[in-house]
Amino acid sequence: MFYNTFWSNPILYNGAACILTVIIEVCWFRVFGYKRPLDLGIIALSNVVTNVALNTFLDLVPDAFDVPWLIILELLVVAAEYLIFRKAFGPSRRLLILTFFANVLSFFIGALVYNIF
């Protein structure tokens, strides 16, 4: 009963996806040297904003679950997060690469956990 209720409730489902994304990406950046609480807070908050925006869009436009759409949307998330991080931490190629791979990692872990494909 809980299983069906959880997966059919977009607030629970998207909330869990958001928490998973934040955990993965904060841990990723922590491993690569972002250890100050303020830095991790900026990373977590930016992930909450982009994750909620992305999942709201996917809830409203179910056709966006097609692979080309998902790639475009994920690249927009990377761009948005990098712009936030760039403002907070200063521009760098390393930061862009870390942001890209953090999102790749969280996307694939999320796809496995939520059986997207």
Protein backbone atom coordinates (compact mmCIF):
# COMPACT_ATOMS: atom_id res chain seq x y z
CA MET A 1 0.00 0.00 0.00
CA PHE A 2 2.74 2.50 0.96
CA TYR A 3 4.66 1.69 -2.24
CA ASN A 4 1.73 2.57 -4.50
CA THR A 5 0.88 5.70 -2.51
CA PHE A 6 4.49 6.88 -2.52
CA TRP A 7 5.12 6.44 -6.24
CA SER A 8 1.77 7.92 -7.27
CA ASN A 9 2.15 11.03 -5.09
CA PRO A 10 4.26 13.60 -7.00
CA ILE A 11 5.10 15.55 -3.84
CA LEU A 12 6.56 12.48 -2.09
CA TYR A 13 8.22 11.18 -5.25
CA ASN A 14 9.75 14.51 -6.25
CA GLY A 15 10.72 15.30 -2.66
CA ALA A 16 12.61 12.02 -2.39
CA ALA A 17 14.27 12.66 -5.77
CA CYS A 18 15.33 16.12 -4.60
CA ILE A 19 16.80 14.80 -1.36
CA LEU A 20 18.67 12.07 -3.24
CA THR A 21 20.06 14.63 -5.71
CA VAL A 22 21.20 16.97 -2.96
CA ILE A 23 22.94 14.16 -1.05
CA ILE A 24 24.73 12.90 -4.17
CA GLU A 25 25.87 16.29 -5.42
CA VAL A 26 26.88 17.72 -2.04
CA CYS A 27 28.95 14.58 -1.39
CA TRP A 28 30.48 14.85 -4.87
CA PHE A 29 31.60 18.45 -4.32
CA ARG A 30 32.80 17.64 -0.81
CA VAL A 31 35.07 14.93 -2.21
CA PHE A 32 36.54 17.52 -4.59
CA GLY A 33 37.38 20.07 -1.92
CA TYR A 34 34.25 22.10 -1.22
CA LYS A 35 34.13 21.56 2.52
CA ARG A 36 33.05 24.86 4.07
CA PRO A 37 29.47 24.79 5.36
CA LEU A 38 28.62 27.92 3.34
CA ASP A 39 29.89 26.32 0.12
CA LEU A 40 27.96 23.12 0.76
CA GLY A 41 24.86 25.15 1.60
CA ILE A 42 25.08 27.03 -1.70
CA ILE A 43 25.51 23.73 -3.55
CA ALA A 44 22.56 22.15 -1.71
CA LEU A 45 20.24 25.13 -2.19
CA SER A 46 21.05 25.47 -5.89
CA ASN A 47 20.31 21.77 -6.33
CA VAL A 48 16.97 22.11 -4.56
CA VAL A 49 16.00 24.98 -6.87
CA THR A 50 17.05 23.26 -10.10
CA ASN A 51 15.65 19.88 -9.05
CA VAL A 52 12.25 21.30 -8.12
CA ALA A 53 12.14 23.30 -11.37
CA LEU A 54 13.10 20.27 -13.47
CA ASN A 55 10.67 17.87 -11.79
CA THR A 56 7.83 20.39 -11.92
CA PHE A 57 8.43 20.80 -15.64
CA LEU A 58 8.50 17.02 -16.13
CA ASP A 59 5.23 16.69 -14.18
CA LEU A 60 3.58 19.34 -16.35
CA VAL A 61 5.02 18.12 -19.67
CA PRO A 62 5.08 14.29 -19.56
CA ASP A 63 6.38 14.11 -23.16
CA ALA A 64 9.64 15.62 -21.87
CA PHE A 65 10.63 12.17 -20.58
CA ASP A 66 11.93 11.39 -24.08
CA VAL A 67 15.71 11.06 -24.12
CA PRO A 68 16.43 14.15 -26.28
CA TRP A 69 14.30 16.31 -23.97
CA LEU A 70 15.96 14.87 -20.88
CA ILE A 71 19.40 15.65 -22.29
CA ILE A 72 18.41 19.23 -23.08
CA LEU A 73 16.80 19.72 -19.68
CA GLU A 74 19.76 18.25 -17.82
CA LEU A 75 22.13 20.52 -19.76
CA LEU A 76 19.98 23.49 -18.74
CA VAL A 77 20.26 22.35 -15.12
CA VAL A 78 24.06 22.13 -15.46
CA ALA A 79 24.14 25.62 -16.96
CA ALA A 80 21.95 27.08 -14.21
CA GLU A 81 23.94 25.44 -11.43
CA TYR A 82 27.25 26.48 -12.96
CA LEU A 83 26.07 30.10 -13.19
CA ILE A 84 25.15 30.03 -9.50
CA PHE A 85 28.42 28.32 -8.53
CA ARG A 86 30.44 30.66 -10.73
CA LYS A 87 28.96 33.64 -8.93
CA ALA A 88 29.64 32.07 -5.52
CA PHE A 89 33.03 30.45 -6.12
CA GLY A 90 34.44 32.25 -9.15
CA PRO A 91 34.59 30.99 -12.73
CA SER A 92 36.75 27.99 -13.55
CA ARG A 93 36.83 25.17 -16.03
CA ARG A 94 37.26 22.71 -13.15
CA LEU A 95 34.03 23.96 -11.55
CA LEU A 96 32.14 23.54 -14.83
CA ILE A 97 33.46 19.97 -15.20
CA LEU A 98 32.62 19.14 -11.57
CA THR A 99 29.10 20.53 -12.05
CA PHE A 100 28.61 18.53 -15.24
CA PHE A 101 29.76 15.23 -13.75
CA ALA A 102 27.84 15.80 -10.49
CA ASN A 103 24.69 16.04 -12.58
CA VAL A 104 25.59 13.01 -14.70
CA LEU A 105 26.17 11.01 -11.53
CA SER A 106 22.95 12.10 -9.85
CA PHE A 107 20.96 11.54 -13.06
CA PHE A 108 22.15 7.97 -13.49
CA ILE A 109 21.80 7.06 -9.82
CA GLY A 110 18.31 8.57 -9.86
CA ALA A 111 17.49 6.66 -13.05
CA LEU A 112 18.54 3.43 -11.37
CA VAL A 113 16.67 4.12 -8.13
CA TYR A 114 13.51 5.34 -9.84
CA ASN A 115 13.70 2.90 -12.75
CA ILE A 116 13.29 5.64 -15.35
CA PHE A 117 14.49 3.57 -18.29
